[in-house]
Amino acid sequence: MQAQEKLPEIRKTVELNAPIDKVWEAVSTSEGIAAWWMQNTFEPVLGHEFVLHAGQYGDSPCKVTELAPPNRVGFDWGKDWHLSIELKKLSDGKTELTLLHSGWDAEKVTEFGQPHTAIKGHMDGGWEKIVKVKLPAYIEA
């Protein structure tokens, strides 16, 4: 049996001009996540199963697997992916946010039939805009 080729995770880091509690609210509540990313049925409860309403790609089943307020939240997304968000309190009331999107595999395809190798570049660009433009615009408004 051939070993599967794991692809590197997508990692995006941004410094936000907001206190950690405000950023935590934006990344750990259904309303917060919907404001900068997508509609969902998220609840900050370990083991909670929820749905991301991914528009043209349909609904993605997810499950909360990490919860350490106000520093880390993570969930399994669909059949292969894992998303985690780490927050670090900085001086001057700022917060560093790091988003990690892992579970990429060169041998696999998504639920909607796209090879991971093809969709990863698209997602990388999407996260760049979401994490570095949309999220700060929402949090710092």
N, C-alpha and C. Protein backbone atom coordinates (compact mmCIF):
# COMPACT_ATOMS: atom_id res chain seq x y z
N MET A 1 0.84 -1.19 0.00
CA MET A 1 0.00 0.00 0.00
C MET A 1 0.89 1.25 0.00
N GLN A 2 0.58 2.17 -0.88
CA GLN A 2 1.39 3.39 -1.02
C GLN A 2 1.01 4.40 0.06
N ALA A 3 2.01 5.04 0.63
CA ALA A 3 1.76 6.08 1.64
C ALA A 3 1.11 7.29 0.98
N GLN A 4 0.16 7.86 1.67
CA GLN A 4 -0.51 9.03 1.12
C GLN A 4 0.40 10.25 1.25
N GLU A 5 0.32 11.12 0.24
CA GLU A 5 1.16 12.30 0.25
C GLU A 5 0.43 13.46 0.92
N LYS A 6 0.86 13.75 2.13
CA LYS A 6 0.28 14.86 2.87
C LYS A 6 0.80 16.17 2.29
N LEU A 7 -0.08 17.12 2.17
CA LEU A 7 0.30 18.45 1.68
C LEU A 7 0.40 19.37 2.88
N PRO A 8 1.24 20.41 2.80
CA PRO A 8 1.38 21.31 3.94
C PRO A 8 0.06 22.01 4.27
N GLU A 9 -0.08 22.33 5.55
CA GLU A 9 -1.29 23.04 5.99
C GLU A 9 -1.26 24.47 5.45
N ILE A 10 -2.44 25.06 5.40
CA ILE A 10 -2.55 26.49 5.10
C ILE A 10 -2.44 27.20 6.44
N ARG A 11 -1.58 28.20 6.52
CA ARG A 11 -1.37 28.93 7.77
C ARG A 11 -1.43 30.43 7.47
N LYS A 12 -2.32 31.12 8.16
CA LYS A 12 -2.45 32.57 8.00
C LYS A 12 -2.39 33.22 9.39
N THR A 13 -1.54 34.23 9.51
CA THR A 13 -1.41 34.95 10.78
C THR A 13 -1.65 36.43 10.54
N VAL A 14 -2.39 37.03 11.46
CA VAL A 14 -2.68 38.46 11.35
C VAL A 14 -2.69 39.07 12.75
N GLU A 15 -2.22 40.32 12.85
CA GLU A 15 -2.29 41.06 14.10
C GLU A 15 -3.53 41.95 14.04
N LEU A 16 -4.38 41.78 15.04
CA LEU A 16 -5.65 42.52 15.05
C LEU A 16 -5.62 43.60 16.12
N ASN A 17 -6.15 44.75 15.78
CA ASN A 17 -6.19 45.88 16.69
C ASN A 17 -7.45 45.77 17.55
N ALA A 18 -7.49 44.72 18.38
CA ALA A 18 -8.64 44.46 19.25
C ALA A 18 -8.20 43.55 20.38
N PRO A 19 -8.85 43.67 21.54
CA PRO A 19 -8.50 42.80 22.67
C PRO A 19 -8.91 41.35 22.39
N ILE A 20 -8.23 40.42 23.04
CA ILE A 20 -8.44 39.00 22.80
C ILE A 20 -9.89 38.57 23.02
N ASP A 21 -10.58 39.15 24.01
CA ASP A 21 -11.97 38.75 24.27
C ASP A 21 -12.88 39.08 23.09
N LYS A 22 -12.63 40.22 22.45
CA LYS A 22 -13.43 40.61 21.29
C LYS A 22 -13.16 39.68 20.10
N VAL A 23 -11.89 39.32 19.92
CA VAL A 23 -11.52 38.41 18.83
C VAL A 23 -12.10 37.02 19.11
N TRP A 24 -12.02 36.58 20.36
CA TRP A 24 -12.57 35.27 20.73
C TRP A 24 -14.06 35.21 20.39
N GLU A 25 -14.78 36.27 20.69
CA GLU A 25 -16.22 36.33 20.38
C GLU A 25 -16.46 36.15 18.87
N ALA A 26 -15.58 36.72 18.06
CA ALA A 26 -15.72 36.66 16.60
C ALA A 26 -15.41 35.28 16.04
N VAL A 27 -14.57 34.50 16.73
CA VAL A 27 -14.17 33.19 16.19
C VAL A 27 -14.82 32.01 16.90
N SER A 28 -15.60 32.29 17.96
CA SER A 28 -16.16 31.18 18.74
C SER A 28 -17.67 31.27 18.92
N THR A 29 -18.33 32.11 18.11
CA THR A 29 -19.79 32.18 18.14
C THR A 29 -20.31 32.07 16.71
N SER A 30 -21.51 31.54 16.59
CA SER A 30 -22.12 31.40 15.26
C SER A 30 -22.25 32.76 14.58
N GLU A 31 -22.71 33.76 15.33
CA GLU A 31 -22.90 35.10 14.76
C GLU A 31 -21.57 35.70 14.33
N GLY A 32 -20.55 35.54 15.17
CA GLY A 32 -19.24 36.08 14.85
C GLY A 32 -18.67 35.46 13.59
N ILE A 33 -18.70 34.13 13.51
CA ILE A 33 -18.16 33.42 12.34
C ILE A 33 -18.92 33.81 11.07
N ALA A 34 -20.23 33.94 11.19
CA ALA A 34 -21.05 34.32 10.03
C ALA A 34 -20.71 35.71 9.52
N ALA A 35 -20.29 36.60 10.42
CA ALA A 35 -20.02 37.99 10.05
C ALA A 35 -18.78 38.13 9.17
N TRP A 36 -17.80 37.25 9.33
CA TRP A 36 -16.56 37.39 8.55
C TRP A 36 -16.27 36.20 7.65
N TRP A 37 -17.01 35.09 7.80
CA TRP A 37 -16.70 33.92 6.98
C TRP A 37 -17.94 33.35 6.33
N MET A 38 -18.71 32.48 7.01
CA MET A 38 -19.91 31.93 6.39
C MET A 38 -20.96 31.56 7.42
N GLN A 39 -22.20 31.47 6.97
CA GLN A 39 -23.31 31.09 7.83
C GLN A 39 -23.05 29.69 8.37
N ASN A 40 -23.55 29.42 9.59
CA ASN A 40 -23.23 28.17 10.26
C ASN A 40 -24.17 27.91 11.42
N THR A 41 -24.06 26.72 12.00
CA THR A 41 -24.81 26.38 13.20
C THR A 41 -23.84 26.06 14.35
N PHE A 42 -22.68 26.72 14.34
CA PHE A 42 -21.63 26.50 15.34
C PHE A 42 -22.11 26.83 16.74
N GLU A 43 -21.67 26.05 17.72
CA GLU A 43 -21.80 26.38 19.13
C GLU A 43 -20.48 26.03 19.80
N PRO A 44 -19.99 26.88 20.71
CA PRO A 44 -18.71 26.62 21.36
C PRO A 44 -18.82 25.54 22.44
N VAL A 45 -19.09 24.31 21.99
CA VAL A 45 -19.23 23.17 22.90
C VAL A 45 -18.41 22.02 22.32
N LEU A 46 -17.49 21.49 23.10
CA LEU A 46 -16.65 20.38 22.66
C LEU A 46 -17.54 19.21 22.23
N GLY A 47 -17.29 18.69 21.03
CA GLY A 47 -18.08 17.57 20.51
C GLY A 47 -19.32 17.98 19.75
N HIS A 48 -19.66 19.29 19.77
CA HIS A 48 -20.86 19.76 19.07
C HIS A 48 -20.72 19.55 17.57
N GLU A 49 -21.73 18.94 16.97
CA GLU A 49 -21.75 18.77 15.53
C GLU A 49 -22.55 19.91 14.93
N PHE A 50 -21.99 20.54 13.89
CA PHE A 50 -22.64 21.70 13.29
C PHE A 50 -22.43 21.69 11.79
N VAL A 51 -23.01 22.66 11.13
CA VAL A 51 -22.95 22.75 9.68
C VAL A 51 -22.41 24.10 9.26
N LEU A 52 -21.51 24.09 8.27
CA LEU A 52 -21.09 25.31 7.58
C LEU A 52 -21.90 25.36 6.30
N HIS A 53 -22.60 26.46 6.08
CA HIS A 53 -23.40 26.63 4.86
C HIS A 53 -22.49 27.24 3.80
N ALA A 54 -21.89 26.37 2.98
CA ALA A 54 -20.84 26.77 2.05
C ALA A 54 -21.37 27.15 0.67
N GLY A 55 -22.51 27.81 0.62
CA GLY A 55 -23.03 28.32 -0.64
C GLY A 55 -23.14 27.28 -1.73
N GLN A 56 -22.47 27.55 -2.85
CA GLN A 56 -22.54 26.67 -4.02
C GLN A 56 -21.99 25.27 -3.74
N TYR A 57 -21.18 25.12 -2.68
CA TYR A 57 -20.61 23.81 -2.35
C TYR A 57 -21.50 23.02 -1.40
N GLY A 58 -22.62 23.63 -1.00
CA GLY A 58 -23.55 22.93 -0.12
C GLY A 58 -23.16 23.05 1.35
N ASP A 59 -23.80 22.23 2.16
CA ASP A 59 -23.55 22.26 3.60
C ASP A 59 -22.45 21.27 3.96
N SER A 60 -21.52 21.70 4.79
CA SER A 60 -20.43 20.84 5.24
C SER A 60 -20.64 20.46 6.70
N PRO A 61 -20.64 19.15 7.00
CA PRO A 61 -20.74 18.73 8.39
C PRO A 61 -19.42 18.97 9.12
N CYS A 62 -19.51 19.46 10.35
CA CYS A 62 -18.33 19.77 11.15
C CYS A 62 -18.55 19.30 12.59
N LYS A 63 -17.44 19.22 13.33
CA LYS A 63 -17.51 18.83 14.74
C LYS A 63 -16.42 19.55 15.52
N VAL A 64 -16.83 20.22 16.61
CA VAL A 64 -15.88 20.94 17.46
C VAL A 64 -14.98 19.93 18.17
N THR A 65 -13.66 20.07 17.98
CA THR A 65 -12.71 19.12 18.57
C THR A 65 -11.70 19.79 19.51
N GLU A 66 -11.64 21.11 19.48
CA GLU A 66 -10.73 21.85 20.36
C GLU A 66 -11.46 23.07 20.88
N LEU A 67 -11.33 23.30 22.19
CA LEU A 67 -11.96 24.48 22.77
C LEU A 67 -11.19 24.86 24.03
N ALA A 68 -10.44 25.94 23.95
CA ALA A 68 -9.65 26.42 25.08
C ALA A 68 -9.75 27.94 25.13
N PRO A 69 -10.91 28.46 25.61
CA PRO A 69 -11.13 29.91 25.63
C PRO A 69 -10.07 30.63 26.46
N PRO A 70 -9.62 31.80 26.06
CA PRO A 70 -9.89 32.47 24.79
C PRO A 70 -8.74 32.29 23.79
N ASN A 71 -8.09 31.12 23.82
CA ASN A 71 -6.88 30.96 23.02
C ASN A 71 -6.97 30.02 21.83
N ARG A 72 -7.89 29.05 21.85
CA ARG A 72 -7.90 28.09 20.74
C ARG A 72 -9.28 27.48 20.55
N VAL A 73 -9.67 27.42 19.28
CA VAL A 73 -10.88 26.70 18.91
C VAL A 73 -10.55 25.94 17.63
N GLY A 74 -11.07 24.72 17.52
CA GLY A 74 -10.78 23.93 16.33
C GLY A 74 -11.91 22.97 16.05
N PHE A 75 -12.03 22.62 14.78
CA PHE A 75 -13.08 21.67 14.40
C PHE A 75 -12.69 20.88 13.16
N ASP A 76 -13.23 19.66 13.10
CA ASP A 76 -13.12 18.85 11.91
C ASP A 76 -14.14 19.38 10.91
N TRP A 77 -13.73 19.48 9.65
CA TRP A 77 -14.56 20.08 8.61
C TRP A 77 -14.68 19.07 7.47
N GLY A 78 -15.90 18.59 7.25
CA GLY A 78 -16.10 17.59 6.21
C GLY A 78 -15.38 16.30 6.57
N LYS A 79 -15.01 15.55 5.55
CA LYS A 79 -14.42 14.23 5.80
C LYS A 79 -12.90 14.25 6.02
N ASP A 80 -12.21 15.32 5.61
CA ASP A 80 -10.75 15.30 5.64
C ASP A 80 -10.09 16.44 6.40
N TRP A 81 -10.72 17.59 6.45
CA TRP A 81 -10.04 18.79 6.91
C TRP A 81 -10.17 19.04 8.40
N HIS A 82 -9.22 19.82 8.91
CA HIS A 82 -9.29 20.32 10.28
C HIS A 82 -8.93 21.80 10.24
N LEU A 83 -9.72 22.59 10.94
CA LEU A 83 -9.48 24.03 11.02
C LEU A 83 -9.27 24.40 12.47
N SER A 84 -8.19 25.12 12.77
CA SER A 84 -8.02 25.61 14.13
C SER A 84 -7.60 27.07 14.08
N ILE A 85 -8.03 27.78 15.11
CA ILE A 85 -7.72 29.20 15.24
C ILE A 85 -7.08 29.38 16.60
N GLU A 86 -5.88 29.97 16.59
CA GLU A 86 -5.14 30.23 17.82
C GLU A 86 -5.06 31.74 18.03
N LEU A 87 -5.32 32.16 19.26
CA LEU A 87 -5.24 33.58 19.60
C LEU A 87 -4.16 33.78 20.66
N LYS A 88 -3.41 34.86 20.49
CA LYS A 88 -2.37 35.21 21.44
C LYS A 88 -2.52 36.69 21.80
N LYS A 89 -2.61 36.96 23.09
CA LYS A 89 -2.74 38.33 23.58
C LYS A 89 -1.41 39.05 23.40
N LEU A 90 -1.45 40.21 22.75
CA LEU A 90 -0.26 41.02 22.56
C LEU A 90 -0.36 42.26 23.44
N SER A 91 0.72 43.03 23.49
CA SER A 91 0.68 44.27 24.27
C SER A 91 -0.19 45.30 23.55
N ASP A 92 -0.52 46.36 24.20
CA ASP A 92 -1.32 47.46 23.64
C ASP A 92 -2.73 47.01 23.23
N GLY A 93 -3.27 45.98 23.88
CA GLY A 93 -4.64 45.57 23.60
C GLY A 93 -4.84 44.91 22.24
N LYS A 94 -3.77 44.44 21.64
CA LYS A 94 -3.87 43.77 20.33
C LYS A 94 -3.87 42.26 20.50
N THR A 95 -4.26 41.56 19.44
CA THR A 95 -4.33 40.10 19.46
C THR A 95 -3.74 39.55 18.17
N GLU A 96 -2.93 38.50 18.30
CA GLU A 96 -2.43 37.80 17.12
C GLU A 96 -3.32 36.58 16.89
N LEU A 97 -3.80 36.45 15.66
CA LEU A 97 -4.63 35.31 15.28
C LEU A 97 -3.89 34.49 14.24
N THR A 98 -3.85 33.17 14.46
CA THR A 98 -3.28 32.25 13.48
C THR A 98 -4.34 31.22 13.13
N LEU A 99 -4.63 31.12 11.84
CA LEU A 99 -5.57 30.13 11.34
C LEU A 99 -4.78 29.02 10.66
N LEU A 100 -5.10 27.78 11.00
CA LEU A 100 -4.46 26.60 10.40
C LEU A 100 -5.53 25.73 9.76
N HIS A 101 -5.37 25.46 8.48
CA HIS A 101 -6.30 24.60 7.74
C HIS A 101 -5.49 23.40 7.27
N SER A 102 -5.69 22.26 7.93
CA SER A 102 -4.90 21.06 7.64
C SER A 102 -5.78 19.93 7.12
N GLY A 103 -5.14 18.81 6.81
CA GLY A 103 -5.86 17.64 6.31
C GLY A 103 -5.77 17.49 4.80
N TRP A 104 -4.87 18.23 4.18
CA TRP A 104 -4.70 18.19 2.73
C TRP A 104 -3.94 16.93 2.33
N ASP A 105 -4.38 16.27 1.29
CA ASP A 105 -3.77 15.02 0.85
C ASP A 105 -3.83 14.95 -0.67
N ALA A 106 -2.69 14.77 -1.29
CA ALA A 106 -2.60 14.77 -2.76
C ALA A 106 -3.43 13.65 -3.40
N GLU A 107 -3.74 12.61 -2.63
CA GLU A 107 -4.48 11.47 -3.17
C GLU A 107 -6.00 11.60 -3.04
N LYS A 108 -6.46 12.62 -2.31
CA LYS A 108 -7.88 12.70 -1.98
C LYS A 108 -8.63 13.75 -2.79
N VAL A 109 -9.95 13.59 -2.85
CA VAL A 109 -10.83 14.59 -3.45
C VAL A 109 -11.84 15.03 -2.40
N THR A 110 -12.34 16.24 -2.55
CA THR A 110 -13.33 16.78 -1.63
C THR A 110 -14.69 16.11 -1.85
N GLU A 111 -15.61 16.37 -0.94
CA GLU A 111 -16.98 15.85 -1.09
C GLU A 111 -17.63 16.32 -2.38
N PHE A 112 -17.20 17.49 -2.88
CA PHE A 112 -17.80 18.02 -4.11
C PHE A 112 -16.95 17.70 -5.34
N GLY A 113 -16.08 16.67 -5.21
CA GLY A 113 -15.41 16.11 -6.37
C GLY A 113 -14.16 16.80 -6.87
N GLN A 114 -13.63 17.76 -6.11
CA GLN A 114 -12.42 18.47 -6.52
C GLN A 114 -11.19 17.82 -5.86
N PRO A 115 -10.11 17.58 -6.62
CA PRO A 115 -8.89 17.07 -5.99
C PRO A 115 -8.35 18.08 -4.97
N HIS A 116 -7.86 17.58 -3.85
CA HIS A 116 -7.26 18.47 -2.84
C HIS A 116 -6.19 19.36 -3.47
N THR A 117 -5.39 18.80 -4.39
CA THR A 117 -4.31 19.58 -5.00
C THR A 117 -4.85 20.78 -5.76
N ALA A 118 -6.04 20.65 -6.34
CA ALA A 118 -6.63 21.75 -7.11
C ALA A 118 -7.28 22.78 -6.20
N ILE A 119 -7.99 22.31 -5.18
CA ILE A 119 -8.76 23.22 -4.33
C ILE A 119 -7.88 23.94 -3.30
N LYS A 120 -6.73 23.35 -2.96
CA LYS A 120 -5.88 23.95 -1.92
C LYS A 120 -5.42 25.35 -2.29
N GLY A 121 -5.00 25.55 -3.54
CA GLY A 121 -4.55 26.88 -3.97
C GLY A 121 -5.67 27.90 -3.90
N HIS A 122 -6.86 27.46 -4.29
CA HIS A 122 -8.05 28.33 -4.23
C HIS A 122 -8.35 28.70 -2.78
N MET A 123 -8.30 27.70 -1.90
CA MET A 123 -8.58 27.95 -0.48
C MET A 123 -7.51 28.84 0.14
N ASP A 124 -6.26 28.64 -0.25
CA ASP A 124 -5.16 29.45 0.28
C ASP A 124 -5.41 30.93 -0.03
N GLY A 125 -5.78 31.21 -1.27
CA GLY A 125 -6.08 32.59 -1.65
C GLY A 125 -7.31 33.13 -0.94
N GLY A 126 -8.29 32.28 -0.77
CA GLY A 126 -9.50 32.67 -0.06
C GLY A 126 -9.21 33.01 1.38
N TRP A 127 -8.43 32.16 2.06
CA TRP A 127 -8.08 32.43 3.46
C TRP A 127 -7.27 33.71 3.59
N GLU A 128 -6.40 33.97 2.62
CA GLU A 128 -5.60 35.19 2.65
C GLU A 128 -6.51 36.41 2.75
N LYS A 129 -7.55 36.44 1.92
CA LYS A 129 -8.49 37.57 1.92
C LYS A 129 -9.37 37.57 3.18
N ILE A 130 -9.84 36.39 3.56
CA ILE A 130 -10.74 36.31 4.72
C ILE A 130 -10.01 36.72 6.01
N VAL A 131 -8.82 36.16 6.23
CA VAL A 131 -8.09 36.40 7.47
C VAL A 131 -7.46 37.79 7.52
N LYS A 132 -6.99 38.28 6.38
CA LYS A 132 -6.24 39.54 6.40
C LYS A 132 -7.05 40.76 5.98
N VAL A 133 -8.28 40.54 5.44
CA VAL A 133 -9.11 41.67 5.04
C VAL A 133 -10.48 41.63 5.73
N LYS A 134 -11.23 40.56 5.52
CA LYS A 134 -12.61 40.50 6.04
C LYS A 134 -12.67 40.44 7.57
N LEU A 135 -11.85 39.59 8.18
CA LEU A 135 -11.86 39.46 9.63
C LEU A 135 -11.44 40.76 10.32
N PRO A 136 -10.31 41.37 9.92
CA PRO A 136 -9.95 42.65 10.57
C PRO A 136 -11.01 43.73 10.35
N ALA A 137 -11.61 43.78 9.17
CA ALA A 137 -12.64 44.79 8.91
C ALA A 137 -13.80 44.62 9.87
N TYR A 138 -14.18 43.37 10.13
CA TYR A 138 -15.28 43.10 11.06
C TYR A 138 -14.87 43.41 12.51
N ILE A 139 -13.72 42.91 12.93
CA ILE A 139 -13.28 43.05 14.33
C ILE A 139 -12.94 44.49 14.68
N GLU A 140 -12.33 45.19 13.75
CA GLU A 140 -11.85 46.53 14.06
C GLU A 140 -12.87 47.63 13.73
N ALA A 141 -14.06 47.21 13.28
CA ALA A 141 -15.10 48.20 12.90
C ALA A 141 -15.61 48.94 14.12
